[in-house]
N, C-alpha and C. Protein backbone atom coordinates (compact mmCIF):
# COMPACT_ATOMS: atom_id res chain seq x y z
N TYR A 1 0.75 -1.05 0.13
CA TYR A 1 -0.18 0.33 0.07
C TYR A 1 0.88 1.37 -0.02
N HIS A 2 0.46 2.11 -0.77
CA HIS A 2 1.50 3.63 -1.01
C HIS A 2 0.89 3.96 0.45
N ARG A 3 -0.15 3.96 1.06
CA ARG A 3 -0.62 4.83 2.20
C ARG A 3 -1.86 4.01 3.06
N ILE A 4 -2.15 4.00 4.26
CA ILE A 4 -2.85 3.30 4.68
C ILE A 4 -3.83 4.79 5.99
N TYR A 5 -4.54 4.53 6.18
CA TYR A 5 -5.60 5.41 7.29
C TYR A 5 -6.37 4.74 7.80
N LEU A 6 -6.20 4.99 9.26
CA LEU A 6 -6.72 4.66 10.34
C LEU A 6 -8.80 5.45 10.56
N VAL A 7 -9.01 4.94 10.69
CA VAL A 7 -10.22 5.68 11.05
C VAL A 7 -10.82 5.07 12.27
N LEU A 8 -11.09 5.99 13.22
CA LEU A 8 -11.56 5.66 14.46
C LEU A 8 -12.16 6.92 15.04
N ILE A 9 -13.27 6.20 15.63
CA ILE A 9 -14.04 6.85 16.64
C ILE A 9 -14.09 6.13 18.24
N VAL A 10 -14.19 7.25 19.19
CA VAL A 10 -13.59 7.30 20.50
C VAL A 10 -14.53 8.05 21.35
N ASP A 11 -14.99 7.40 22.14
CA ASP A 11 -16.32 8.32 23.36
C ASP A 11 -15.35 8.88 23.80
N ASP A 12 -15.79 10.68 24.10
CA ASP A 12 -15.14 11.39 24.52
C ASP A 12 -15.29 11.33 26.32
N PHE A 13 -15.98 10.81 27.01
CA PHE A 13 -16.32 10.52 28.18
C PHE A 13 -15.33 9.94 28.73
N SER A 14 -15.68 8.10 27.99
CA SER A 14 -14.89 7.28 28.50
C SER A 14 -13.41 7.10 28.39
N ARG A 15 -13.32 7.66 27.04
CA ARG A 15 -12.34 7.61 25.89
C ARG A 15 -11.87 5.97 25.48
N ALA A 16 -12.73 5.26 25.25
CA ALA A 16 -12.92 4.02 24.74
C ALA A 16 -13.11 4.35 23.20
N ILE A 17 -12.35 3.43 22.89
CA ILE A 17 -12.55 2.89 21.33
C ILE A 17 -13.79 2.35 20.40
N LEU A 18 -14.54 3.39 20.39
CA LEU A 18 -15.59 2.37 19.86
C LEU A 18 -15.83 1.68 18.57
N ALA A 19 -14.74 2.09 17.47
CA ALA A 19 -14.84 1.18 16.63
C ALA A 19 -13.52 2.14 15.60
N ALA A 20 -12.39 1.08 15.36
CA ALA A 20 -11.18 1.19 14.94
C ALA A 20 -11.06 0.38 13.22
N ARG A 21 -10.67 1.26 12.39
CA ARG A 21 -10.33 0.05 11.35
C ARG A 21 -9.46 0.96 10.34
N PHE A 22 -8.12 0.04 10.03
CA PHE A 22 -7.28 1.14 8.80
C PHE A 22 -7.88 0.11 7.16
N PHE A 23 -7.50 1.47 6.47
CA PHE A 23 -8.21 1.03 5.16
C PHE A 23 -7.31 1.88 3.93
N ASP A 24 -7.24 1.45 3.09
CA ASP A 24 -6.54 2.15 1.57
C ASP A 24 -6.55 3.30 1.19
N SER A 25 -8.25 4.41 1.77
CA SER A 25 -8.42 5.47 1.48
C SER A 25 -9.16 5.67 3.07
N ASP A 26 -9.88 6.80 3.07
CA ASP A 26 -10.20 7.94 3.73
C ASP A 26 -11.39 8.39 3.27
N SER A 27 -12.29 7.21 2.57
CA SER A 27 -13.68 7.88 1.92
C SER A 27 -14.90 7.55 2.69
N THR A 28 -15.96 8.27 2.47
CA THR A 28 -17.22 8.60 2.76
C THR A 28 -17.58 7.37 2.92
N TYR A 29 -17.15 6.14 2.43
CA TYR A 29 -17.81 4.66 2.52
C TYR A 29 -17.48 4.24 3.48
N ASN A 30 -15.78 4.26 3.99
CA ASN A 30 -15.20 3.72 4.60
C ASN A 30 -15.46 4.15 5.91
N ASN A 31 -15.78 5.63 6.39
CA ASN A 31 -16.08 6.48 7.25
C ASN A 31 -17.83 5.83 7.84
N MET A 32 -17.92 5.43 7.32
CA MET A 32 -19.78 5.52 7.29
C MET A 32 -19.39 3.53 7.84
N LEU A 33 -18.75 2.54 7.53
CA LEU A 33 -18.12 1.42 7.92
C LEU A 33 -17.43 1.51 9.26
N VAL A 34 -17.31 2.13 9.79
CA VAL A 34 -16.81 2.36 10.84
C VAL A 34 -17.88 2.60 12.10
N LEU A 35 -18.30 4.05 11.42
CA LEU A 35 -19.74 4.61 12.44
C LEU A 35 -20.84 3.35 12.59
N ARG A 36 -20.75 2.78 11.40
CA ARG A 36 -21.81 1.54 11.34
C ARG A 36 -21.72 0.49 12.80
N GLU A 37 -20.06 0.26 12.69
CA GLU A 37 -19.73 -0.87 13.49
C GLU A 37 -19.56 -0.08 15.04
N ALA A 38 -19.47 1.21 15.40
CA ALA A 38 -19.82 1.49 16.79
C ALA A 38 -21.01 1.40 16.85
N ILE A 39 -21.95 2.02 15.95
CA ILE A 39 -23.17 1.47 16.58
C ILE A 39 -24.18 0.13 16.59
N GLU A 40 -23.51 -0.46 16.27
CA GLU A 40 -24.10 -1.87 16.66
C GLU A 40 -23.24 -2.33 17.42
N LYS A 41 -22.06 -2.17 17.67
CA LYS A 41 -21.86 -2.85 18.94
C LYS A 41 -22.39 -1.76 20.44
N TYR A 42 -22.74 -0.67 20.37
CA TYR A 42 -22.47 0.24 21.60
C TYR A 42 -24.30 0.80 21.35
N GLY A 43 -24.51 1.16 20.52
CA GLY A 43 -25.98 1.92 20.20
C GLY A 43 -25.64 3.02 19.65
N ILE A 44 -26.68 3.76 19.31
CA ILE A 44 -26.86 5.18 19.09
C ILE A 44 -26.37 6.11 20.13
N PHE A 45 -25.30 7.10 19.53
CA PHE A 45 -25.12 7.95 20.34
C PHE A 45 -25.64 9.46 19.53
N PRO A 46 -25.73 10.51 20.98
CA PRO A 46 -26.56 11.77 20.99
C PRO A 46 -25.66 12.34 20.05
N ILE A 47 -24.28 12.51 19.61
CA ILE A 47 -23.51 13.67 18.71
C ILE A 47 -22.05 12.95 18.51
N LEU A 48 -22.15 13.64 17.59
CA LEU A 48 -20.63 13.26 16.48
C LEU A 48 -19.84 14.46 16.47
N TYR A 49 -18.59 14.46 17.11
CA TYR A 49 -17.84 15.55 17.12
C TYR A 49 -16.40 14.85 15.92
N SER A 50 -16.86 16.24 14.52
CA SER A 50 -15.68 15.48 13.91
C SER A 50 -14.89 16.69 13.33
N ASP A 51 -14.17 16.50 12.71
CA ASP A 51 -13.01 17.57 12.13
C ASP A 51 -13.87 18.28 10.68
N ASN A 52 -13.58 18.98 10.03
CA ASN A 52 -14.07 19.71 8.57
C ASN A 52 -14.12 19.18 7.53
N ASP A 53 -13.40 17.88 7.57
CA ASP A 53 -13.26 17.27 6.51
C ASP A 53 -14.02 17.45 5.67
N SER A 54 -14.29 17.23 4.22
CA SER A 54 -15.55 17.08 3.43
C SER A 54 -16.60 16.23 3.06
N LYS A 55 -16.26 15.13 3.94
CA LYS A 55 -17.55 14.01 3.62
C LYS A 55 -18.36 14.62 5.73
N PHE A 56 -17.47 15.61 6.62
CA PHE A 56 -18.75 16.01 7.10
C PHE A 56 -19.28 17.57 6.97
N LYS A 57 -18.50 18.08 6.92
CA LYS A 57 -18.13 19.15 6.94
C LYS A 57 -19.88 19.95 6.65
N LEU A 58 -20.04 21.20 7.78
CA LEU A 58 -21.44 21.94 8.00
C LEU A 58 -21.09 23.59 7.62
N ILE A 59 -22.44 24.34 7.22
CA ILE A 59 -22.27 25.67 7.69
C ILE A 59 -22.41 26.35 8.89
N ARG A 60 -21.49 27.44 8.98
CA ARG A 60 -21.25 27.72 10.05
C ARG A 60 -21.24 29.08 9.88
N TYR A 61 -22.52 29.84 11.08
CA TYR A 61 -22.53 31.08 11.24
C TYR A 61 -21.22 31.86 11.43
N GLU A 62 -20.75 33.12 10.97
CA GLU A 62 -19.73 33.94 11.33
C GLU A 62 -19.39 33.98 13.01
N GLY A 63 -18.18 33.89 13.09
CA GLY A 63 -18.22 34.00 14.70
C GLY A 63 -18.95 32.97 15.65
N SER A 64 -19.73 32.62 15.65
CA SER A 64 -20.12 31.29 15.95
C SER A 64 -19.17 30.18 16.68
N ARG A 65 -18.71 29.30 17.39
CA ARG A 65 -18.43 28.34 18.05
C ARG A 65 -19.36 27.38 17.70
N PHE A 66 -20.78 27.52 17.11
CA PHE A 66 -21.81 26.05 17.20
C PHE A 66 -22.32 25.79 16.08
N PHE A 67 -22.23 25.40 15.32
CA PHE A 67 -22.65 25.25 14.10
C PHE A 67 -24.02 25.08 13.94
N THR A 68 -24.67 25.78 12.70
CA THR A 68 -25.88 25.56 12.16
C THR A 68 -26.22 25.12 10.73
N TYR A 69 -27.32 24.52 10.66
CA TYR A 69 -27.63 23.86 10.05
C TYR A 69 -27.93 25.16 8.51
N SER A 70 -27.68 24.70 7.46
CA SER A 70 -28.24 25.63 6.35
C SER A 70 -29.10 25.77 5.91
N GLU A 71 -29.96 26.41 4.93
CA GLU A 71 -31.51 26.41 4.71
C GLU A 71 -31.48 24.91 3.58
N GLU A 72 -30.32 24.48 3.06
CA GLU A 72 -30.60 23.70 2.29
C GLU A 72 -30.64 22.70 3.08
N THR A 73 -30.06 21.94 3.94
CA THR A 73 -30.39 20.98 5.14
C THR A 73 -31.58 21.41 5.63
N LEU A 74 -32.24 22.15 5.97
CA LEU A 74 -33.79 22.70 6.74
C LEU A 74 -34.93 21.97 5.71
N SER A 75 -34.43 22.11 4.15
CA SER A 75 -35.75 21.73 3.90
C SER A 75 -35.33 20.21 3.00
N GLY A 76 -34.12 19.66 3.84
CA GLY A 76 -34.51 18.18 3.34
C GLY A 76 -33.40 17.93 2.68
N GLU A 77 -32.13 18.94 1.76
CA GLU A 77 -31.12 18.78 0.87
C GLU A 77 -30.10 18.43 1.35
N VAL A 78 -29.67 17.33 2.35
CA VAL A 78 -28.54 17.03 3.26
C VAL A 78 -27.45 17.33 2.00
N ILE A 79 -25.79 18.03 3.17
CA ILE A 79 -25.06 18.58 2.38
C ILE A 79 -24.34 16.93 2.11
N THR A 80 -24.07 16.01 3.16
CA THR A 80 -23.22 14.38 2.71
C THR A 80 -23.74 13.71 3.04
N GLU A 81 -23.18 12.47 2.91
CA GLU A 81 -23.91 11.02 2.80
C GLU A 81 -24.04 10.87 4.08
N ILE A 82 -22.78 11.29 5.10
CA ILE A 82 -22.81 11.16 6.38
C ILE A 82 -23.43 11.71 7.14
N HIS A 83 -23.68 12.74 7.07
CA HIS A 83 -24.91 13.70 7.64
C HIS A 83 -25.84 13.61 7.39
N ARG A 84 -26.47 12.80 6.55
CA ARG A 84 -27.59 12.36 5.92
C ARG A 84 -28.05 11.08 6.75
N ALA A 85 -26.96 10.03 6.45
CA ALA A 85 -26.87 8.82 7.72
C ALA A 85 -27.59 9.25 8.99
N LEU A 86 -26.36 10.17 9.67
CA LEU A 86 -26.60 10.67 10.76
C LEU A 86 -27.51 11.27 11.41
N LEU A 87 -28.45 12.40 10.30
CA LEU A 87 -29.83 12.53 10.81
C LEU A 87 -30.65 11.67 10.48
N GLU A 88 -30.76 10.85 9.75
CA GLU A 88 -31.59 9.27 10.19
C GLU A 88 -31.74 8.83 11.51
N LEU A 89 -30.39 9.23 12.37
CA LEU A 89 -30.68 7.61 13.26
C LEU A 89 -30.64 8.68 14.25
N GLY A 90 -31.02 10.04 14.13
CA GLY A 90 -30.92 11.09 15.25
C GLY A 90 -29.74 11.56 15.94
N ILE A 91 -28.45 11.97 15.24
CA ILE A 91 -27.38 12.15 15.55
C ILE A 91 -26.80 13.33 15.46
N THR A 92 -26.66 14.50 16.25
CA THR A 92 -26.33 15.49 15.96
C THR A 92 -24.75 15.78 15.38
N LEU A 93 -24.60 16.26 14.13
CA LEU A 93 -23.06 15.94 13.68
C LEU A 93 -22.34 17.65 13.71
N ILE A 94 -21.57 17.82 14.97
CA ILE A 94 -20.77 19.47 14.85
C ILE A 94 -19.29 18.62 14.64
N THR A 95 -19.14 20.09 14.26
CA THR A 95 -17.72 20.22 13.28
C THR A 95 -16.83 21.41 14.02
N HIS A 96 -15.53 20.53 14.59
CA HIS A 96 -14.72 22.23 14.84
C HIS A 96 -14.18 22.89 13.88
N PHE A 97 -13.76 24.34 14.60
CA PHE A 97 -13.64 25.31 13.29
C PHE A 97 -12.25 24.88 12.68
N PRO A 98 -11.98 25.45 11.22
CA PRO A 98 -10.61 25.12 10.71
C PRO A 98 -9.52 25.61 11.87
N GLY A 99 -8.48 24.67 11.30
CA GLY A 99 -7.03 25.67 12.02
C GLY A 99 -7.31 25.07 13.59
N ASN A 100 -8.36 24.71 14.19
CA ASN A 100 -8.51 24.87 15.78
C ASN A 100 -7.54 23.48 16.10
N ALA A 101 -6.26 23.50 16.46
CA ALA A 101 -5.20 22.36 17.06
C ALA A 101 -6.82 21.68 18.47
N ARG A 102 -6.72 22.71 18.99
CA ARG A 102 -6.47 22.33 20.59
C ARG A 102 -8.35 21.67 20.63
N ALA A 103 -9.02 21.50 19.10
CA ALA A 103 -10.33 20.86 19.27
C ALA A 103 -10.22 19.58 19.29
N LYS A 104 -9.19 19.21 18.48
CA LYS A 104 -8.92 17.61 18.30
C LYS A 104 -7.75 17.29 19.04
N GLY A 105 -7.41 17.72 20.47
CA GLY A 105 -6.60 17.29 21.63
C GLY A 105 -6.70 16.15 21.96
N LYS A 106 -7.61 15.36 22.28
CA LYS A 106 -7.78 13.89 22.51
C LYS A 106 -7.26 13.16 21.69
N ILE A 107 -8.48 13.08 20.18
CA ILE A 107 -7.94 12.31 19.46
C ILE A 107 -6.20 12.28 18.67
N GLU A 108 -5.87 13.81 19.16
CA GLU A 108 -4.66 13.57 18.51
C GLU A 108 -3.50 13.19 19.95
N ARG A 109 -4.37 12.82 20.97
CA ARG A 109 -3.27 11.89 21.88
C ARG A 109 -3.53 10.71 21.36
N LEU A 110 -4.44 10.63 21.10
CA LEU A 110 -4.78 8.76 20.85
C LEU A 110 -4.62 8.66 19.87
N PHE A 111 -4.36 8.75 19.10
CA PHE A 111 -3.44 8.79 17.80
C PHE A 111 -1.63 8.75 18.01
N ARG A 112 -1.20 9.65 18.68
CA ARG A 112 0.05 9.31 19.18
C ARG A 112 0.40 8.41 19.97
N PHE A 113 -0.69 8.02 21.07
CA PHE A 113 -0.15 6.62 21.55
C PHE A 113 -0.80 5.83 20.88
N ILE A 114 -1.29 5.09 19.83
CA ILE A 114 -1.39 4.29 19.06
C ILE A 114 -0.11 4.65 17.79
N GLN A 115 0.22 5.26 17.74
CA GLN A 115 1.52 5.62 16.72
C GLN A 115 2.44 4.95 17.75
N GLU A 116 2.89 4.91 18.79
CA GLU A 116 4.10 4.55 19.64
C GLU A 116 3.90 3.36 20.24
N ARG A 117 2.42 2.71 20.33
CA ARG A 117 1.98 1.69 20.96
C ARG A 117 1.84 0.37 20.07
N PHE A 118 0.97 1.03 19.27
CA PHE A 118 0.57 -0.18 18.43
C PHE A 118 1.68 -0.20 17.03
N ILE A 119 1.69 1.00 16.26
CA ILE A 119 2.13 1.08 14.91
C ILE A 119 3.69 0.24 14.97
N SER A 120 4.42 0.74 16.06
CA SER A 120 5.71 0.44 16.20
C SER A 120 6.06 -0.81 16.35
N GLU A 121 5.22 -1.77 17.16
CA GLU A 121 5.20 -3.07 17.58
C GLU A 121 4.77 -4.24 17.39
N HIS A 122 3.67 -3.65 15.76
CA HIS A 122 2.88 -4.59 15.39
C HIS A 122 3.58 -4.58 13.50
N ARG A 123 3.56 -5.81 12.99
CA ARG A 123 3.88 -5.67 11.68
C ARG A 123 2.96 -6.47 10.85
N ALA A 124 2.25 -6.15 9.77
CA ALA A 124 1.54 -7.46 9.01
C ALA A 124 2.00 -7.17 8.00
N SER A 125 1.62 -8.39 6.85
CA SER A 125 1.80 -8.14 5.28
C SER A 125 0.46 -7.78 4.61
N ASN A 126 -0.96 -7.41 5.05
CA ASN A 126 -1.66 -6.95 4.70
C ASN A 126 -2.77 -6.40 5.95
N LEU A 127 -3.89 -5.05 4.89
CA LEU A 127 -4.55 -4.76 5.54
C LEU A 127 -5.47 -6.28 6.62
N ASP A 128 -6.04 -6.81 6.38
CA ASP A 128 -6.47 -8.28 7.10
C ASP A 128 -5.80 -8.44 8.19
N GLU A 129 -4.52 -8.79 7.96
CA GLU A 129 -4.05 -9.02 9.09
C GLU A 129 -3.75 -7.78 10.06
N LEU A 130 -3.57 -6.58 9.67
CA LEU A 130 -3.13 -5.21 10.65
C LEU A 130 -4.59 -5.14 11.44
N ASN A 131 -5.80 -5.44 10.95
CA ASN A 131 -7.00 -4.89 11.53
C ASN A 131 -7.07 -6.36 12.13
N ALA A 132 -6.86 -7.66 12.15
CA ALA A 132 -6.78 -8.44 13.32
C ALA A 132 -6.33 -8.14 14.20
N GLN A 133 -4.90 -7.36 14.08
CA GLN A 133 -4.20 -7.23 15.23
C GLN A 133 -4.80 -6.00 16.10
N LEU A 134 -4.65 -4.68 15.12
CA LEU A 134 -5.85 -3.45 15.66
C LEU A 134 -7.01 -4.02 16.60
N GLN A 135 -7.87 -5.29 16.31
CA GLN A 135 -9.17 -5.34 17.18
C GLN A 135 -8.58 -6.00 18.63
N GLU A 136 -7.51 -6.96 18.50
CA GLU A 136 -7.11 -7.32 19.43
C GLU A 136 -6.39 -6.34 21.05
N TRP A 137 -5.81 -5.30 19.88
CA TRP A 137 -4.95 -4.19 20.86
C TRP A 137 -6.08 -3.35 21.06
N VAL A 138 -6.72 -3.02 20.73
CA VAL A 138 -8.46 -2.14 20.79
C VAL A 138 -8.96 -2.59 21.86
N ASN A 139 -8.98 -4.47 21.94
CA ASN A 139 -10.00 -4.52 22.85
C ASN A 139 -8.68 -4.47 24.18
N TRP A 140 -7.57 -4.63 24.02
CA TRP A 140 -6.74 -4.72 24.88
C TRP A 140 -6.93 -3.13 25.95
N TYR A 141 -7.07 -2.16 25.11
CA TYR A 141 -6.79 -0.62 25.18
C TYR A 141 -7.90 -0.53 26.38
N ASN A 142 -9.61 -1.02 25.76
CA ASN A 142 -10.62 -0.52 26.11
C ASN A 142 -10.41 -1.27 27.92
N ASN A 143 -10.20 -2.22 27.81
CA ASN A 143 -10.07 -3.48 28.91
C ASN A 143 -9.31 -3.04 29.98
N HIS A 144 -8.13 -2.65 29.71
CA HIS A 144 -7.11 -2.97 30.64
C HIS A 144 -5.96 -1.43 30.61
N HIS A 145 -6.27 -1.12 29.74
CA HIS A 145 -5.41 1.05 29.69
C HIS A 145 -6.04 1.33 30.63
N ILE A 146 -5.05 1.76 31.73
CA ILE A 146 -5.59 3.09 32.70
C ILE A 146 -5.48 4.42 31.91
N ASN A 147 -6.20 5.39 31.63
CA ASN A 147 -6.14 6.36 31.05
C ASN A 147 -5.46 7.14 31.50
N ARG A 148 -4.67 8.23 30.63
CA ARG A 148 -3.72 9.22 31.74
C ARG A 148 -4.87 10.10 32.29
N ASP A 149 -5.77 10.84 31.78
CA ASP A 149 -6.63 12.17 32.17
C ASP A 149 -7.84 11.30 32.81
N THR A 150 -8.01 10.64 32.68
CA THR A 150 -9.25 9.97 33.71
C THR A 150 -8.94 9.22 35.03
N GLY A 151 -7.46 8.06 34.80
CA GLY A 151 -7.34 7.70 35.88
C GLY A 151 -7.90 6.42 35.93
N CYS A 152 -8.89 6.07 34.78
CA CYS A 152 -9.98 5.09 34.31
C CYS A 152 -9.93 3.97 33.51
N ILE A 153 -9.93 2.63 33.34
CA ILE A 153 -9.78 2.13 32.15
C ILE A 153 -11.08 2.20 31.56
N PRO A 154 -11.07 2.62 30.08
CA PRO A 154 -11.91 3.18 29.46
C PRO A 154 -13.55 2.66 29.29
N LEU A 155 -13.66 1.66 29.83
CA LEU A 155 -14.96 0.56 29.19
C LEU A 155 -15.51 0.94 30.70
N SER A 156 -14.72 0.81 31.83
CA SER A 156 -15.21 1.31 33.52
C SER A 156 -16.08 2.33 33.06
N ARG A 157 -15.96 3.14 32.81
CA ARG A 157 -16.70 4.53 32.62
C ARG A 157 -17.65 4.77 31.98
N CYS A 158 -18.22 3.43 30.93
CA CYS A 158 -19.01 3.10 30.12
C CYS A 158 -20.75 2.71 30.66
N THR A 159 -21.00 2.51 32.25
CA THR A 159 -21.36 1.99 32.53
C THR A 159 -22.24 3.37 34.04
N PRO A 160 -23.37 4.08 33.89
CA PRO A 160 -24.42 3.57 32.84
C PRO A 160 -23.98 4.13 31.50
N SER A 161 -24.68 4.00 30.39
CA SER A 161 -24.45 4.07 29.39
C SER A 161 -25.62 5.74 28.76
N ALA A 162 -24.97 6.30 27.79
CA ALA A 162 -26.07 7.66 27.38
C ALA A 162 -26.14 6.92 26.15
N LEU A 163 -25.91 6.14 24.94
CA LEU A 163 -26.33 5.65 24.23
C LEU A 163 -27.52 4.69 23.83
N ARG A 164 -28.50 5.15 23.41
CA ARG A 164 -29.38 4.34 22.94
C ARG A 164 -29.55 3.00 22.08
N PRO A 165 -30.53 2.17 22.27
CA PRO A 165 -30.49 1.02 21.57
C PRO A 165 -31.02 1.09 19.80
N LEU A 166 -30.68 0.26 19.32
CA LEU A 166 -30.77 0.32 17.62
C LEU A 166 -32.78 0.75 17.54
N ASP A 167 -33.69 -0.28 18.47
CA ASP A 167 -34.95 -0.15 18.14
C ASP A 167 -35.48 -0.11 16.73
N GLY A 168 -34.46 -1.59 16.11
CA GLY A 168 -35.15 -1.67 14.82
C GLY A 168 -34.48 -0.77 13.92
N ALA A 169 -33.57 0.40 13.48
CA ALA A 169 -33.59 0.59 12.80
C ALA A 169 -32.66 -0.24 11.66
N ASN A 170 -32.91 -0.18 10.18
CA ASN A 170 -32.26 -0.60 9.44
C ASN A 170 -30.88 0.09 8.94
N LEU A 171 -29.93 -0.79 9.14
CA LEU A 171 -28.63 0.01 9.58
C LEU A 171 -28.29 -0.28 7.30
N ASP A 172 -29.06 -1.10 6.68
CA ASP A 172 -27.92 -1.05 5.46
C ASP A 172 -29.10 -0.27 4.59
N ASP A 173 -29.85 0.06 4.86
CA ASP A 173 -30.52 1.63 4.16
C ASP A 173 -29.78 2.55 4.65
N ILE A 174 -29.31 2.98 6.26
CA ILE A 174 -29.03 4.13 6.55
C ILE A 174 -27.50 4.19 5.83
N PHE A 175 -26.86 3.35 5.95
CA PHE A 175 -25.53 3.51 5.19
C PHE A 175 -24.99 3.08 4.34
N SER A 176 -26.05 3.54 3.52
CA SER A 176 -25.58 3.03 2.33
C SER A 176 -25.81 4.46 1.66
N LEU A 177 -24.83 4.20 0.12
CA LEU A 177 -24.86 5.45 -0.63
C LEU A 177 -25.73 6.01 -1.29
N LYS A 178 -26.19 7.07 -0.99
CA LYS A 178 -27.58 7.43 -1.96
C LYS A 178 -27.55 8.31 -3.18
N GLU A 179 -28.35 7.92 -4.37
CA GLU A 179 -28.08 9.21 -5.31
C GLU A 179 -29.63 9.07 -6.31
N GLU A 180 -29.68 10.27 -6.11
CA GLU A 180 -31.75 10.80 -6.50
C GLU A 180 -31.61 10.67 -8.22
N ARG A 181 -32.27 9.73 -8.75
CA ARG A 181 -32.35 10.04 -9.84
C ARG A 181 -34.01 10.15 -10.84
N LYS A 182 -34.30 10.73 -11.80
CA LYS A 182 -35.38 10.71 -12.58
C LYS A 182 -35.68 9.58 -13.10
N VAL A 183 -37.27 8.90 -12.80
CA VAL A 183 -37.56 7.81 -13.31
C VAL A 183 -38.38 8.95 -14.47
N GLY A 184 -38.10 8.28 -16.13
CA GLY A 184 -38.48 8.24 -16.79
C GLY A 184 -40.30 7.23 -16.57
N ARG A 185 -41.06 7.99 -17.98
CA ARG A 185 -42.12 7.32 -18.43
C ARG A 185 -42.47 5.71 -18.43
N ASP A 186 -40.98 5.41 -19.43
CA ASP A 186 -40.89 3.92 -19.54
C ASP A 186 -40.58 3.36 -18.14
N ASN A 187 -40.92 3.80 -16.83
CA ASN A 187 -39.66 3.16 -15.34
C ASN A 187 -38.75 2.88 -15.77
N SER A 188 -37.79 3.59 -16.12
CA SER A 188 -36.39 3.24 -16.38
C SER A 188 -35.67 5.08 -15.97
N PHE A 189 -33.94 4.52 -15.62
CA PHE A 189 -33.32 5.73 -15.05
C PHE A 189 -31.79 5.34 -15.43
N ASN A 190 -31.26 5.96 -15.32
CA ASN A 190 -29.65 6.26 -15.88
C ASN A 190 -28.90 6.45 -14.55
N LEU A 191 -27.62 5.60 -14.34
CA LEU A 191 -26.99 5.71 -13.59
C LEU A 191 -25.54 5.05 -13.52
N ASP A 192 -24.97 6.37 -13.93
CA ASP A 192 -23.04 5.67 -14.39
C ASP A 192 -23.31 5.65 -15.69
N GLY A 193 -24.09 5.72 -16.64
CA GLY A 193 -24.43 5.40 -17.77
C GLY A 193 -25.02 4.72 -18.09
N VAL A 194 -25.70 3.59 -17.40
CA VAL A 194 -26.24 2.49 -17.21
C VAL A 194 -27.41 2.73 -16.98
N THR A 195 -29.09 2.00 -18.04
CA THR A 195 -29.94 2.17 -17.93
C THR A 195 -30.57 0.63 -17.15
N TYR A 196 -31.21 1.24 -16.48
CA TYR A 196 -32.56 0.59 -15.27
C TYR A 196 -33.63 0.45 -15.58
N THR A 197 -34.37 -0.62 -15.56
CA THR A 197 -35.96 -0.30 -15.62
C THR A 197 -36.47 -0.96 -14.31
N ILE A 198 -37.45 -0.04 -13.79
CA ILE A 198 -38.06 -1.05 -12.19
C ILE A 198 -39.28 -1.68 -12.86
N PRO A 199 -39.59 -2.90 -12.25
CA PRO A 199 -40.76 -3.60 -12.63
C PRO A 199 -41.93 -2.40 -12.42
N ARG A 200 -42.68 -2.79 -12.88
CA ARG A 200 -44.24 -2.10 -12.82
C ARG A 200 -44.53 -2.46 -11.49
């Protein structure tokens, strides 16, 4: 691989790693896979706090540290696929201001810790092998590592949980990439140069 990417979700209160995977690209779909994994394991969290990457980015009012929905979002035209999926689950998306390094302090310290403790000690010949090693390491981290800031093992701070159960949400539909197409009079539509016909 020319480069690999770690996509990771950490719980702000407990510092538990909810989901983490290495990928060959930092794509919307790969981020959605990690989000789905975290939700399947732990439940639906109330807020997702992310950086200003184009996969997440929202519009902000000038000078406000709180993000705001644009008119397009409020009218139902969602800005990004990840944002749409989060809205369908009732999760609020908050992004930090660009160039605000302090806003990412906790996650950056965790990335540095992973670099020092996991990357330097593990070797793998492919992504599957690396991800298998990562899952073992995440299990150790969540169940045995004492966090310097909290003084606790991460999973010991997860009870009671603020996350709510799935309640029958169809994650296959929610975490899919969606595109709108106009259906013609003959019940057909085009997608990426291919014509599809919908049964009547």
